Amino acid sequence: CVARNSGRYELDDSAEYALALGNVVGMEILEVSHNGHMIVVRTLVGRAQGVAAYLDGMDEQLIMGTVAGDDTVFVAPSEPDLIESLVSKIEALIR
């Protein structure tokens, strides 16, 4: 959030902010795997909900939804045939 002159906070939706947030999320992801139907993202302890929120917020038609625990996120792809593409996009956050 960024404080504006109007005395209220607004979400910073700049590309720079999105890139920085993606870098932080990438540092929180430890492993990405799948079984052909569901993707499992292992995270640092306590960071699964933040990673899931980031994934849900991606402008991505490939993600139907996520479920987060403490250190694990289950990602439901919208199309099982495209699961490899989605895994690659999530793994790209790590690099």
C-alpha atoms as a PDB file:
ATOM      1  CA  CYS A   1       0.000   0.000   0.000  1.00  0.00           C
ATOM      2  CA  VAL A   2       1.047   3.513  -0.645  1.00  0.00           C
ATOM      3  CA  ALA A   3      -0.142   6.597   1.206  1.00  0.00           C
ATOM      4  CA  ARG A   4      -1.440   9.168  -1.246  1.00  0.00           C
ATOM      5  CA  ASN A   5      -1.961  12.874  -0.652  1.00  0.00           C
ATOM      6  CA  SER A   6      -5.664  12.201  -0.146  1.00  0.00           C
ATOM      7  CA  GLY A   7      -5.014  10.834   3.355  1.00  0.00           C
ATOM      8  CA  ARG A   8      -5.911   7.272   2.475  1.00  0.00           C
ATOM      9  CA  TYR A   9      -3.986   4.186   1.459  1.00  0.00           C
ATOM     10  CA  GLU A  10      -4.244   2.780  -2.037  1.00  0.00           C
ATOM     11  CA  LEU A  11      -2.848  -0.419  -3.516  1.00  0.00           C
ATOM     12  CA  ASP A  12       0.283   0.213  -5.554  1.00  0.00           C
ATOM     13  CA  ASP A  13      -0.493  -1.546  -8.836  1.00  0.00           C
ATOM     14  CA  SER A  14       2.650  -0.456 -10.637  1.00  0.00           C
ATOM     15  CA  ALA A  15       4.711  -2.981 -12.578  1.00  0.00           C
ATOM     16  CA  GLU A  16       7.655  -2.333 -10.240  1.00  0.00           C
ATOM     17  CA  TYR A  17       5.587  -3.302  -7.192  1.00  0.00           C
ATOM     18  CA  ALA A  18       4.242  -6.433  -8.917  1.00  0.00           C
ATOM     19  CA  LEU A  19       7.773  -7.517  -9.844  1.00  0.00           C
ATOM     20  CA  ALA A  20       9.040  -6.968  -6.284  1.00  0.00           C
ATOM     21  CA  LEU A  21       6.114  -8.913  -4.818  1.00  0.00           C
ATOM     22  CA  GLY A  22       6.711 -11.754  -7.291  1.00  0.00           C
ATOM     23  CA  ASN A  23      10.355 -11.886  -6.205  1.00  0.00           C
ATOM     24  CA  VAL A  24       9.355 -12.188  -2.539  1.00  0.00           C
ATOM     25  CA  VAL A  25       6.829 -14.920  -3.322  1.00  0.00           C
ATOM     26  CA  GLY A  26       9.511 -16.735  -5.325  1.00  0.00           C
ATOM     27  CA  MET A  27      11.767 -16.787  -2.270  1.00  0.00           C
ATOM     28  CA  GLU A  28       8.962 -18.357  -0.212  1.00  0.00           C
ATOM     29  CA  ILE A  29       8.417 -21.286  -2.600  1.00  0.00           C
ATOM     30  CA  LEU A  30      10.553 -24.345  -1.897  1.00  0.00           C
ATOM     31  CA  GLU A  31       9.198 -26.945  -4.324  1.00  0.00           C
ATOM     32  CA  VAL A  32       6.556 -27.373  -7.025  1.00  0.00           C
ATOM     33  CA  SER A  33       5.242 -30.789  -8.066  1.00  0.00           C
ATOM     34  CA  HIS A  34       2.122 -32.313  -9.610  1.00  0.00           C
ATOM     35  CA  ASN A  35       0.383 -35.612 -10.264  1.00  0.00           C
ATOM     36  CA  GLY A  36      -1.268 -34.669 -13.545  1.00  0.00           C
ATOM     37  CA  HIS A  37      -4.404 -33.334 -11.847  1.00  0.00           C
ATOM     38  CA  MET A  38      -3.328 -31.142  -8.917  1.00  0.00           C
ATOM     39  CA  ILE A  39      -0.253 -29.007  -8.278  1.00  0.00           C
ATOM     40  CA  VAL A  40       1.394 -28.990  -4.853  1.00  0.00           C
ATOM     41  CA  VAL A  41       3.504 -25.978  -3.906  1.00  0.00           C
ATOM     42  CA  ARG A  42       5.648 -26.365  -0.781  1.00  0.00           C
ATOM     43  CA  THR A  43       6.525 -23.089   0.925  1.00  0.00           C
ATOM     44  CA  LEU A  44       8.401 -21.775   3.913  1.00  0.00           C
ATOM     45  CA  VAL A  45       6.526 -22.442   7.147  1.00  0.00           C
ATOM     46  CA  GLY A  46       3.678 -19.982   7.589  1.00  0.00           C
ATOM     47  CA  ARG A  47       3.846 -18.606   4.035  1.00  0.00           C
ATOM     48  CA  ALA A  48       1.408 -20.847   2.142  1.00  0.00           C
ATOM     49  CA  GLN A  49      -1.503 -18.430   2.513  1.00  0.00           C
ATOM     50  CA  GLY A  50       0.519 -15.531   1.124  1.00  0.00           C
ATOM     51  CA  VAL A  51       1.741 -17.605  -1.814  1.00  0.00           C
ATOM     52  CA  ALA A  52      -1.813 -18.842  -2.491  1.00  0.00           C
ATOM     53  CA  ALA A  53      -3.144 -15.275  -2.413  1.00  0.00           C
ATOM     54  CA  TYR A  54      -0.472 -14.224  -4.905  1.00  0.00           C
ATOM     55  CA  LEU A  55      -1.283 -17.153  -7.212  1.00  0.00           C
ATOM     56  CA  ASP A  56      -5.012 -16.391  -6.968  1.00  0.00           C
ATOM     57  CA  GLY A  57      -4.282 -12.763  -7.832  1.00  0.00           C
ATOM     58  CA  MET A  58      -2.281 -13.598 -10.936  1.00  0.00           C
ATOM     59  CA  ASP A  59      -4.168 -12.729 -14.098  1.00  0.00           C
ATOM     60  CA  GLU A  60      -4.091 -16.388 -15.016  1.00  0.00           C
ATOM     61  CA  GLN A  61      -6.862 -18.309 -16.731  1.00  0.00           C
ATOM     62  CA  LEU A  62      -4.996 -21.541 -15.930  1.00  0.00           C
ATOM     63  CA  ILE A  63      -5.786 -21.442 -12.183  1.00  0.00           C
ATOM     64  CA  MET A  64      -9.282 -22.405 -11.046  1.00  0.00           C
ATOM     65  CA  GLY A  65      -8.376 -21.880  -7.374  1.00  0.00           C
ATOM     66  CA  THR A  66      -6.026 -22.623  -4.497  1.00  0.00           C
ATOM     67  CA  VAL A  67      -6.233 -24.094  -1.011  1.00  0.00           C
ATOM     68  CA  ALA A  68      -3.519 -23.166   1.497  1.00  0.00           C
ATOM     69  CA  GLY A  69      -2.386 -24.723   4.724  1.00  0.00           C
ATOM     70  CA  ASP A  70       0.668 -23.678   6.721  1.00  0.00           C
ATOM     71  CA  ASP A  71       3.432 -24.682   4.320  1.00  0.00           C
ATOM     72  CA  THR A  72       1.553 -26.271   1.410  1.00  0.00           C
ATOM     73  CA  VAL A  73      -0.642 -24.871  -1.358  1.00  0.00           C
ATOM     74  CA  PHE A  74      -2.864 -27.065  -3.535  1.00  0.00           C
ATOM     75  CA  VAL A  75      -3.453 -25.451  -6.911  1.00  0.00           C
ATOM     76  CA  ALA A  76      -6.397 -26.648  -9.010  1.00  0.00           C
ATOM     77  CA  PRO A  77      -5.735 -26.024 -12.697  1.00  0.00           C
ATOM     78  CA  SER A  78      -8.677 -25.029 -14.867  1.00  0.00           C
ATOM     79  CA  GLU A  79      -7.474 -27.369 -17.623  1.00  0.00           C
ATOM     80  CA  PRO A  80      -5.571 -30.544 -16.691  1.00  0.00           C
ATOM     81  CA  ASP A  81      -4.047 -30.647 -20.181  1.00  0.00           C
ATOM     82  CA  LEU A  82      -2.235 -27.376 -19.467  1.00  0.00           C
ATOM     83  CA  ILE A  83      -0.828 -28.381 -16.075  1.00  0.00           C
ATOM     84  CA  GLU A  84       2.790 -28.417 -17.325  1.00  0.00           C
ATOM     85  CA  SER A  85       2.442 -24.817 -18.508  1.00  0.00           C
ATOM     86  CA  LEU A  86       1.052 -23.736 -15.148  1.00  0.00           C
ATOM     87  CA  VAL A  87       3.812 -25.557 -13.264  1.00  0.00           C
ATOM     88  CA  SER A  88       6.376 -23.750 -15.422  1.00  0.00           C
ATOM     89  CA  LYS A  89       4.801 -20.367 -14.642  1.00  0.00           C
ATOM     90  CA  ILE A  90       4.883 -21.086 -10.900  1.00  0.00           C
ATOM     91  CA  GLU A  91       8.460 -22.382 -11.079  1.00  0.00           C
ATOM     92  CA  ALA A  92       9.454 -19.213 -12.966  1.00  0.00           C
ATOM     93  CA  LEU A  93       8.688 -17.263  -9.767  1.00  0.00           C
ATOM     94  CA  ILE A  94      11.499 -19.159  -8.016  1.00  0.00           C
ATOM     95  CA  ARG A  95      14.185 -18.094 -10.484  1.00  0.00           C
END
